[in-house]
Amino acid sequence: MTPQVDDYLEAEIQRLLAEDDRVAEQGITVQRREQAVVLGGEVESPERRDEICRRITSRFPHVQITCDIGITRTTVPADAEEIS
């Protein structure tokens, strides 16, 4: 049986994101989309994003989780931005 995606599940995911020592991430959003959960926001590396997604999907294996977490650019841009 697939668990109901509701406010309690969202809160449980937010709590795991904030309190798990291996994640400790408060800048990730959790949104319901029908019977799925979408994780959003930005982190500093692909490895960090993958760890967050791995932790959430392993803790909630019966919930459809979409990781839409972007990577914050930490390098100086190679090209100058032209403003018209």
PDB file of N, CA and C in Angstrom:
ATOM      1  N   MET A   1       0.834  -1.174   0.000  1.00  0.00           N
ATOM      2  CA  MET A   1       0.000   0.000   0.000  1.00  0.00           C
ATOM      3  C   MET A   1       0.887   1.248   0.000  1.00  0.00           C
ATOM      4  N   THR A   2       0.563   2.199  -0.866  1.00  0.00           N
ATOM      5  CA  THR A   2       1.314   3.437  -0.957  1.00  0.00           C
ATOM      6  C   THR A   2       0.843   4.387   0.138  1.00  0.00           C
ATOM      7  N   PRO A   3       1.774   4.971   0.896  1.00  0.00           N
ATOM      8  CA  PRO A   3       1.358   5.897   1.957  1.00  0.00           C
ATOM      9  C   PRO A   3       0.740   7.160   1.368  1.00  0.00           C
ATOM     10  N   GLN A   4      -0.150   7.750   2.122  1.00  0.00           N
ATOM     11  CA  GLN A   4      -0.800   8.996   1.721  1.00  0.00           C
ATOM     12  C   GLN A   4       0.210  10.134   1.795  1.00  0.00           C
ATOM     13  N   VAL A   5       0.313  10.907   0.721  1.00  0.00           N
ATOM     14  CA  VAL A   5       1.173  12.084   0.724  1.00  0.00           C
ATOM     15  C   VAL A   5       0.336  13.225   1.299  1.00  0.00           C
ATOM     16  N   ASP A   6       0.666  13.633   2.525  1.00  0.00           N
ATOM     17  CA  ASP A   6      -0.106  14.664   3.212  1.00  0.00           C
ATOM     18  C   ASP A   6       0.831  15.570   3.997  1.00  0.00           C
ATOM     19  N   ASP A   7       0.233  16.461   4.800  1.00  0.00           N
ATOM     20  CA  ASP A   7       1.031  17.406   5.586  1.00  0.00           C
ATOM     21  C   ASP A   7       1.972  16.698   6.552  1.00  0.00           C
ATOM     22  N   TYR A   8       1.529  15.567   7.102  1.00  0.00           N
ATOM     23  CA  TYR A   8       2.366  14.836   8.063  1.00  0.00           C
ATOM     24  C   TYR A   8       3.606  14.275   7.383  1.00  0.00           C
ATOM     25  N   LEU A   9       3.438  13.738   6.184  1.00  0.00           N
ATOM     26  CA  LEU A   9       4.587  13.200   5.443  1.00  0.00           C
ATOM     27  C   LEU A   9       5.539  14.335   5.070  1.00  0.00           C
ATOM     28  N   GLU A  10       5.000  15.451   4.612  1.00  0.00           N
ATOM     29  CA  GLU A  10       5.843  16.604   4.283  1.00  0.00           C
ATOM     30  C   GLU A  10       6.656  17.040   5.501  1.00  0.00           C
ATOM     31  N   ALA A  11       6.004  17.115   6.653  1.00  0.00           N
ATOM     32  CA  ALA A  11       6.683  17.531   7.889  1.00  0.00           C
ATOM     33  C   ALA A  11       7.751  16.523   8.287  1.00  0.00           C
ATOM     34  N   GLU A  12       7.475  15.251   8.106  1.00  0.00           N
ATOM     35  CA  GLU A  12       8.449  14.216   8.450  1.00  0.00           C
ATOM     36  C   GLU A  12       9.684  14.317   7.549  1.00  0.00           C
ATOM     37  N   ILE A  13       9.463  14.596   6.274  1.00  0.00           N
ATOM     38  CA  ILE A  13      10.588  14.766   5.344  1.00  0.00           C
ATOM     39  C   ILE A  13      11.386  16.013   5.719  1.00  0.00           C
ATOM     40  N   GLN A  14      10.707  17.123   6.015  1.00  0.00           N
ATOM     41  CA  GLN A  14      11.400  18.350   6.427  1.00  0.00           C
ATOM     42  C   GLN A  14      12.224  18.119   7.690  1.00  0.00           C
ATOM     43  N   ARG A  15      11.667  17.361   8.615  1.00  0.00           N
ATOM     44  CA  ARG A  15      12.378  17.061   9.865  1.00  0.00           C
ATOM     45  C   ARG A  15      13.642  16.248   9.572  1.00  0.00           C
ATOM     46  N   LEU A  16      13.537  15.255   8.698  1.00  0.00           N
ATOM     47  CA  LEU A  16      14.707  14.454   8.327  1.00  0.00           C
ATOM     48  C   LEU A  16      15.760  15.333   7.660  1.00  0.00           C
ATOM     49  N   LEU A  17      15.331  16.213   6.770  1.00  0.00           N
ATOM     50  CA  LEU A  17      16.275  17.106   6.093  1.00  0.00           C
ATOM     51  C   LEU A  17      17.031  17.981   7.082  1.00  0.00           C
ATOM     52  N   ALA A  18      16.343  18.456   8.099  1.00  0.00           N
ATOM     53  CA  ALA A  18      16.959  19.379   9.062  1.00  0.00           C
ATOM     54  C   ALA A  18      17.743  18.679  10.162  1.00  0.00           C
ATOM     55  N   GLU A  19      17.278  17.499  10.602  1.00  0.00           N
ATOM     56  CA  GLU A  19      17.849  16.883  11.798  1.00  0.00           C
ATOM     57  C   GLU A  19      18.841  15.749  11.539  1.00  0.00           C
ATOM     58  N   ASP A  20      18.813  15.145  10.371  1.00  0.00           N
ATOM     59  CA  ASP A  20      19.748  14.061  10.063  1.00  0.00           C
ATOM     60  C   ASP A  20      21.152  14.641   9.928  1.00  0.00           C
ATOM     61  N   ASP A  21      22.102  14.122  10.701  1.00  0.00           N
ATOM     62  CA  ASP A  21      23.474  14.650  10.686  1.00  0.00           C
ATOM     63  C   ASP A  21      24.124  14.583   9.311  1.00  0.00           C
ATOM     64  N   ARG A  22      23.762  13.599   8.509  1.00  0.00           N
ATOM     65  CA  ARG A  22      24.370  13.466   7.184  1.00  0.00           C
ATOM     66  C   ARG A  22      23.735  14.394   6.159  1.00  0.00           C
ATOM     67  N   VAL A  23      22.619  15.009   6.507  1.00  0.00           N
ATOM     68  CA  VAL A  23      21.932  15.924   5.587  1.00  0.00           C
ATOM     69  C   VAL A  23      21.992  17.346   6.128  1.00  0.00           C
ATOM     70  N   ALA A  24      21.373  17.597   7.285  1.00  0.00           N
ATOM     71  CA  ALA A  24      21.369  18.910   7.950  1.00  0.00           C
ATOM     72  C   ALA A  24      21.156  20.049   6.955  1.00  0.00           C
ATOM     73  N   GLU A  25      20.074  19.972   6.224  1.00  0.00           N
ATOM     74  CA  GLU A  25      19.799  20.934   5.156  1.00  0.00           C
ATOM     75  C   GLU A  25      18.427  21.555   5.386  1.00  0.00           C
ATOM     76  N   GLN A  26      18.393  22.875   5.611  1.00  0.00           N
ATOM     77  CA  GLN A  26      17.118  23.548   5.833  1.00  0.00           C
ATOM     78  C   GLN A  26      16.637  24.314   4.614  1.00  0.00           C
ATOM     79  N   GLY A  27      17.461  24.410   3.584  1.00  0.00           N
ATOM     80  CA  GLY A  27      17.096  25.171   2.391  1.00  0.00           C
ATOM     81  C   GLY A  27      16.407  24.355   1.313  1.00  0.00           C
ATOM     82  N   ILE A  28      16.034  23.134   1.615  1.00  0.00           N
ATOM     83  CA  ILE A  28      15.368  22.280   0.632  1.00  0.00           C
ATOM     84  C   ILE A  28      13.859  22.378   0.841  1.00  0.00           C
ATOM     85  N   THR A  29      13.135  22.602  -0.240  1.00  0.00           N
ATOM     86  CA  THR A  29      11.679  22.666  -0.157  1.00  0.00           C
ATOM     87  C   THR A  29      11.084  21.287  -0.422  1.00  0.00           C
ATOM     88  N   VAL A  30       9.925  21.054   0.158  1.00  0.00           N
ATOM     89  CA  VAL A  30       9.193  19.799  -0.027  1.00  0.00           C
ATOM     90  C   VAL A  30       7.799  20.189  -0.494  1.00  0.00           C
ATOM     91  N   GLN A  31       7.445  19.751  -1.708  1.00  0.00           N
ATOM     92  CA  GLN A  31       6.131  20.079  -2.255  1.00  0.00           C
ATOM     93  C   GLN A  31       5.393  18.816  -2.653  1.00  0.00           C
ATOM     94  N   ARG A  32       4.096  18.815  -2.370  1.00  0.00           N
ATOM     95  CA  ARG A  32       3.235  17.714  -2.805  1.00  0.00           C
ATOM     96  C   ARG A  32       2.785  17.955  -4.226  1.00  0.00           C
ATOM     97  N   ARG A  33       2.792  16.904  -5.010  1.00  0.00           N
ATOM     98  CA  ARG A  33       2.209  16.937  -6.348  1.00  0.00           C
ATOM     99  C   ARG A  33       1.454  15.627  -6.517  1.00  0.00           C
ATOM    100  N   GLU A  34       0.149  15.713  -6.301  1.00  0.00           N
ATOM    101  CA  GLU A  34      -0.726  14.543  -6.305  1.00  0.00           C
ATOM    102  C   GLU A  34      -0.200  13.531  -5.297  1.00  0.00           C
ATOM    103  N   GLN A  35       0.190  12.340  -5.708  1.00  0.00           N
ATOM    104  CA  GLN A  35       0.687  11.329  -4.768  1.00  0.00           C
ATOM    105  C   GLN A  35       2.209  11.210  -4.829  1.00  0.00           C
ATOM    106  N   ALA A  36       2.880  12.337  -5.105  1.00  0.00           N
ATOM    107  CA  ALA A  36       4.338  12.360  -5.164  1.00  0.00           C
ATOM    108  C   ALA A  36       4.843  13.546  -4.350  1.00  0.00           C
ATOM    109  N   VAL A  37       6.137  13.532  -4.088  1.00  0.00           N
ATOM    110  CA  VAL A  37       6.807  14.614  -3.365  1.00  0.00           C
ATOM    111  C   VAL A  37       7.963  15.097  -4.230  1.00  0.00           C
ATOM    112  N   VAL A  38       8.081  16.425  -4.351  1.00  0.00           N
ATOM    113  CA  VAL A  38       9.169  17.024  -5.121  1.00  0.00           C
ATOM    114  C   VAL A  38      10.072  17.788  -4.167  1.00  0.00           C
ATOM    115  N   LEU A  39      11.354  17.457  -4.200  1.00  0.00           N
ATOM    116  CA  LEU A  39      12.358  18.166  -3.400  1.00  0.00           C
ATOM    117  C   LEU A  39      12.988  19.236  -4.282  1.00  0.00           C
ATOM    118  N   GLY A  40      13.049  20.467  -3.801  1.00  0.00           N
ATOM    119  CA  GLY A  40      13.613  21.562  -4.579  1.00  0.00           C
ATOM    120  C   GLY A  40      14.626  22.343  -3.767  1.00  0.00           C
ATOM    121  N   GLY A  41      15.268  23.287  -4.426  1.00  0.00           N
ATOM    122  CA  GLY A  41      16.273  24.112  -3.771  1.00  0.00           C
ATOM    123  C   GLY A  41      17.612  23.956  -4.452  1.00  0.00           C
ATOM    124  N   GLU A  42      18.645  24.403  -3.784  1.00  0.00           N
ATOM    125  CA  GLU A  42      19.998  24.312  -4.329  1.00  0.00           C
ATOM    126  C   GLU A  42      20.974  23.896  -3.238  1.00  0.00           C
ATOM    127  N   VAL A  43      21.976  23.120  -3.647  1.00  0.00           N
ATOM    128  CA  VAL A  43      23.063  22.709  -2.769  1.00  0.00           C
ATOM    129  C   VAL A  43      24.385  22.954  -3.482  1.00  0.00           C
ATOM    130  N   GLU A  44      25.490  22.779  -2.768  1.00  0.00           N
ATOM    131  CA  GLU A  44      26.791  23.162  -3.315  1.00  0.00           C
ATOM    132  C   GLU A  44      27.461  22.138  -4.228  1.00  0.00           C
ATOM    133  N   SER A  45      26.948  20.897  -4.288  1.00  0.00           N
ATOM    134  CA  SER A  45      27.615  19.908  -5.140  1.00  0.00           C
ATOM    135  C   SER A  45      26.652  18.801  -5.557  1.00  0.00           C
ATOM    136  N   PRO A  46      26.969  18.142  -6.682  1.00  0.00           N
ATOM    137  CA  PRO A  46      26.150  16.998  -7.101  1.00  0.00           C
ATOM    138  C   PRO A  46      26.170  15.874  -6.063  1.00  0.00           C
ATOM    139  N   GLU A  47      27.308  15.696  -5.389  1.00  0.00           N
ATOM    140  CA  GLU A  47      27.418  14.650  -4.370  1.00  0.00           C
ATOM    141  C   GLU A  47      26.466  14.925  -3.211  1.00  0.00           C
ATOM    142  N   ARG A  48      26.371  16.187  -2.824  1.00  0.00           N
ATOM    143  CA  ARG A  48      25.462  16.586  -1.731  1.00  0.00           C
ATOM    144  C   ARG A  48      24.013  16.323  -2.134  1.00  0.00           C
ATOM    145  N   ARG A  49      23.659  16.731  -3.359  1.00  0.00           N
ATOM    146  CA  ARG A  49      22.303  16.489  -3.864  1.00  0.00           C
ATOM    147  C   ARG A  49      21.992  15.000  -3.871  1.00  0.00           C
ATOM    148  N   ASP A  50      22.936  14.203  -4.361  1.00  0.00           N
ATOM    149  CA  ASP A  50      22.718  12.756  -4.437  1.00  0.00           C
ATOM    150  C   ASP A  50      22.546  12.135  -3.053  1.00  0.00           C
ATOM    151  N   GLU A  51      23.311  12.607  -2.073  1.00  0.00           N
ATOM    152  CA  GLU A  51      23.190  12.093  -0.708  1.00  0.00           C
ATOM    153  C   GLU A  51      21.823  12.433  -0.120  1.00  0.00           C
ATOM    154  N   ILE A  52      21.373  13.655  -0.341  1.00  0.00           N
ATOM    155  CA  ILE A  52      20.052  14.057   0.154  1.00  0.00           C
ATOM    156  C   ILE A  52      18.968  13.184  -0.473  1.00  0.00           C
ATOM    157  N   CYS A  53      19.009  13.030  -1.775  1.00  0.00           N
ATOM    158  CA  CYS A  53      18.000  12.221  -2.472  1.00  0.00           C
ATOM    159  C   CYS A  53      18.056  10.771  -2.024  1.00  0.00           C
ATOM    160  N   ARG A  54      19.258  10.251  -1.824  1.00  0.00           N
ATOM    161  CA  ARG A  54      19.432   8.870  -1.361  1.00  0.00           C
ATOM    162  C   ARG A  54      18.829   8.678   0.029  1.00  0.00           C
ATOM    163  N   ARG A  55      19.097   9.615   0.937  1.00  0.00           N
ATOM    164  CA  ARG A  55      18.574   9.516   2.307  1.00  0.00           C
ATOM    165  C   ARG A  55      17.048   9.558   2.322  1.00  0.00           C
ATOM    166  N   ILE A  56      16.462  10.456   1.549  1.00  0.00           N
ATOM    167  CA  ILE A  56      15.007  10.594   1.546  1.00  0.00           C
ATOM    168  C   ILE A  56      14.350   9.373   0.905  1.00  0.00           C
ATOM    169  N   THR A  57      14.858   8.928  -0.229  1.00  0.00           N
ATOM    170  CA  THR A  57      14.232   7.775  -0.893  1.00  0.00           C
ATOM    171  C   THR A  57      14.418   6.490  -0.098  1.00  0.00           C
ATOM    172  N   SER A  58      15.529   6.359   0.638  1.00  0.00           N
ATOM    173  CA  SER A  58      15.708   5.142   1.444  1.00  0.00           C
ATOM    174  C   SER A  58      14.805   5.168   2.675  1.00  0.00           C
ATOM    175  N   ARG A  59      14.549   6.356   3.224  1.00  0.00           N
ATOM    176  CA  ARG A  59      13.673   6.472   4.405  1.00  0.00           C
ATOM    177  C   ARG A  59      12.199   6.322   4.039  1.00  0.00           C
ATOM    178  N   PHE A  60      11.840   6.720   2.813  1.00  0.00           N
ATOM    179  CA  PHE A  60      10.454   6.666   2.344  1.00  0.00           C
ATOM    180  C   PHE A  60      10.384   5.877   1.025  1.00  0.00           C
ATOM    181  N   PRO A  61      10.660   4.571   1.056  1.00  0.00           N
ATOM    182  CA  PRO A  61      10.760   3.798  -0.187  1.00  0.00           C
ATOM    183  C   PRO A  61       9.449   3.653  -0.953  1.00  0.00           C
ATOM    184  N   HIS A  62       8.324   3.841  -0.310  1.00  0.00           N
ATOM    185  CA  HIS A  62       7.038   3.656  -0.980  1.00  0.00           C
ATOM    186  C   HIS A  62       6.417   4.968  -1.451  1.00  0.00           C
ATOM    187  N   VAL A  63       7.191   6.042  -1.368  1.00  0.00           N
ATOM    188  CA  VAL A  63       6.712   7.351  -1.821  1.00  0.00           C
ATOM    189  C   VAL A  63       7.471   7.720  -3.086  1.00  0.00           C
ATOM    190  N   GLN A  64       6.741   8.199  -4.085  1.00  0.00           N
ATOM    191  CA  GLN A  64       7.400   8.656  -5.305  1.00  0.00           C
ATOM    192  C   GLN A  64       8.070   9.993  -4.999  1.00  0.00           C
ATOM    193  N   ILE A  65       9.402  10.011  -5.071  1.00  0.00           N
ATOM    194  CA  ILE A  65      10.193  11.206  -4.758  1.00  0.00           C
ATOM    195  C   ILE A  65      10.855  11.697  -6.045  1.00  0.00           C
ATOM    196  N   THR A  66      10.684  12.977  -6.344  1.00  0.00           N
ATOM    197  CA  THR A  66      11.379  13.601  -7.465  1.00  0.00           C
ATOM    198  C   THR A  66      12.366  14.592  -6.894  1.00  0.00           C
ATOM    199  N   CYS A  67      13.641  14.410  -7.229  1.00  0.00           N
ATOM    200  CA  CYS A  67      14.688  15.318  -6.761  1.00  0.00           C
ATOM    201  C   CYS A  67      14.924  16.385  -7.822  1.00  0.00           C
ATOM    202  N   ASP A  68      14.441  17.567  -7.548  1.00  0.00           N
ATOM    203  CA  ASP A  68      14.619  18.691  -8.457  1.00  0.00           C
ATOM    204  C   ASP A  68      15.524  19.712  -7.775  1.00  0.00           C
ATOM    205  N   ILE A  69      16.615  19.217  -7.197  1.00  0.00           N
ATOM    206  CA  ILE A  69      17.557  20.053  -6.457  1.00  0.00           C
ATOM    207  C   ILE A  69      18.675  20.474  -7.407  1.00  0.00           C
ATOM    208  N   GLY A  70      18.880  21.774  -7.504  1.00  0.00           N
ATOM    209  CA  GLY A  70      19.919  22.299  -8.380  1.00  0.00           C
ATOM    210  C   GLY A  70      21.249  22.449  -7.653  1.00  0.00           C
ATOM    211  N   ILE A  71      22.272  22.756  -8.436  1.00  0.00           N
ATOM    212  CA  ILE A  71      23.614  22.947  -7.896  1.00  0.00           C
ATOM    213  C   ILE A  71      23.951  24.437  -7.974  1.00  0.00           C
ATOM    214  N   THR A  72      24.370  25.002  -6.860  1.00  0.00           N
ATOM    215  CA  THR A  72      24.777  26.403  -6.813  1.00  0.00           C
ATOM    216  C   THR A  72      26.122  26.547  -7.498  1.00  0.00           C
ATOM    217  N   ARG A  73      26.211  27.493  -8.395  1.00  0.00           N
ATOM    218  CA  ARG A  73      27.481  27.719  -9.078  1.00  0.00           C
ATOM    219  C   ARG A  73      28.446  28.366  -8.109  1.00  0.00           C
ATOM    220  N   THR A  74      29.596  27.727  -7.922  1.00  0.00           N
ATOM    221  CA  THR A  74      30.578  28.247  -6.965  1.00  0.00           C
ATOM    222  C   THR A  74      31.848  28.736  -7.646  1.00  0.00           C
ATOM    223  N   THR A  75      31.863  28.709  -8.969  1.00  0.00           N
ATOM    224  CA  THR A  75      33.044  29.180  -9.692  1.00  0.00           C
ATOM    225  C   THR A  75      32.725  30.520 -10.357  1.00  0.00           C
ATOM    226  N   VAL A  76      33.749  31.248 -10.675  1.00  0.00           N
ATOM    227  CA  VAL A  76      33.593  32.517 -11.361  1.00  0.00           C
ATOM    228  C   VAL A  76      33.188  32.230 -12.802  1.00  0.00           C
ATOM    229  N   PRO A  77      32.210  32.954 -13.340  1.00  0.00           N
ATOM    230  CA  PRO A  77      31.805  32.735 -14.738  1.00  0.00           C
ATOM    231  C   PRO A  77      32.982  32.968 -15.678  1.00  0.00           C
ATOM    232  N   ALA A  78      33.063  32.167 -16.730  1.00  0.00           N
ATOM    233  CA  ALA A  78      34.149  32.282 -17.705  1.00  0.00           C
ATOM    234  C   ALA A  78      33.961  33.485 -18.611  1.00  0.00           C
ATOM    235  N   ASP A  79      32.697  33.854 -18.898  1.00  0.00           N
ATOM    236  CA  ASP A  79      32.412  34.961 -19.790  1.00  0.00           C
ATOM    237  C   ASP A  79      31.761  36.100 -18.999  1.00  0.00           C
ATOM    238  N   ALA A  80      32.045  37.311 -19.440  1.00  0.00           N
ATOM    239  CA  ALA A  80      31.394  38.467 -18.822  1.00  0.00           C
ATOM    240  C   ALA A  80      29.978  38.568 -19.343  1.00  0.00           C
ATOM    241  N   GLU A  81      29.049  38.907 -18.485  1.00  0.00           N
ATOM    242  CA  GLU A  81      27.663  39.083 -18.895  1.00  0.00           C
ATOM    243  C   GLU A  81      27.514  40.454 -19.538  1.00  0.00           C
ATOM    244  N   GLU A  82      26.939  40.483 -20.732  1.00  0.00           N
ATOM    245  CA  GLU A  82      26.719  41.745 -21.415  1.00  0.00           C
ATOM    246  C   GLU A  82      25.334  42.243 -21.106  1.00  0.00           C
ATOM    247  N   ILE A  83      25.245  43.516 -20.733  1.00  0.00           N
ATOM    248  CA  ILE A  83      23.960  44.131 -20.428  1.00  0.00           C
ATOM    249  C   ILE A  83      23.665  45.129 -21.537  1.00  0.00           C
ATOM    250  N   SER A  84      22.523  44.955 -22.154  1.00  0.00           N
ATOM    251  CA  SER A  84      22.148  45.859 -23.265  1.00  0.00           C
ATOM    252  C   SER A  84      21.306  47.005 -22.784  1.00  0.00           C
TER     253      SER A  84
END
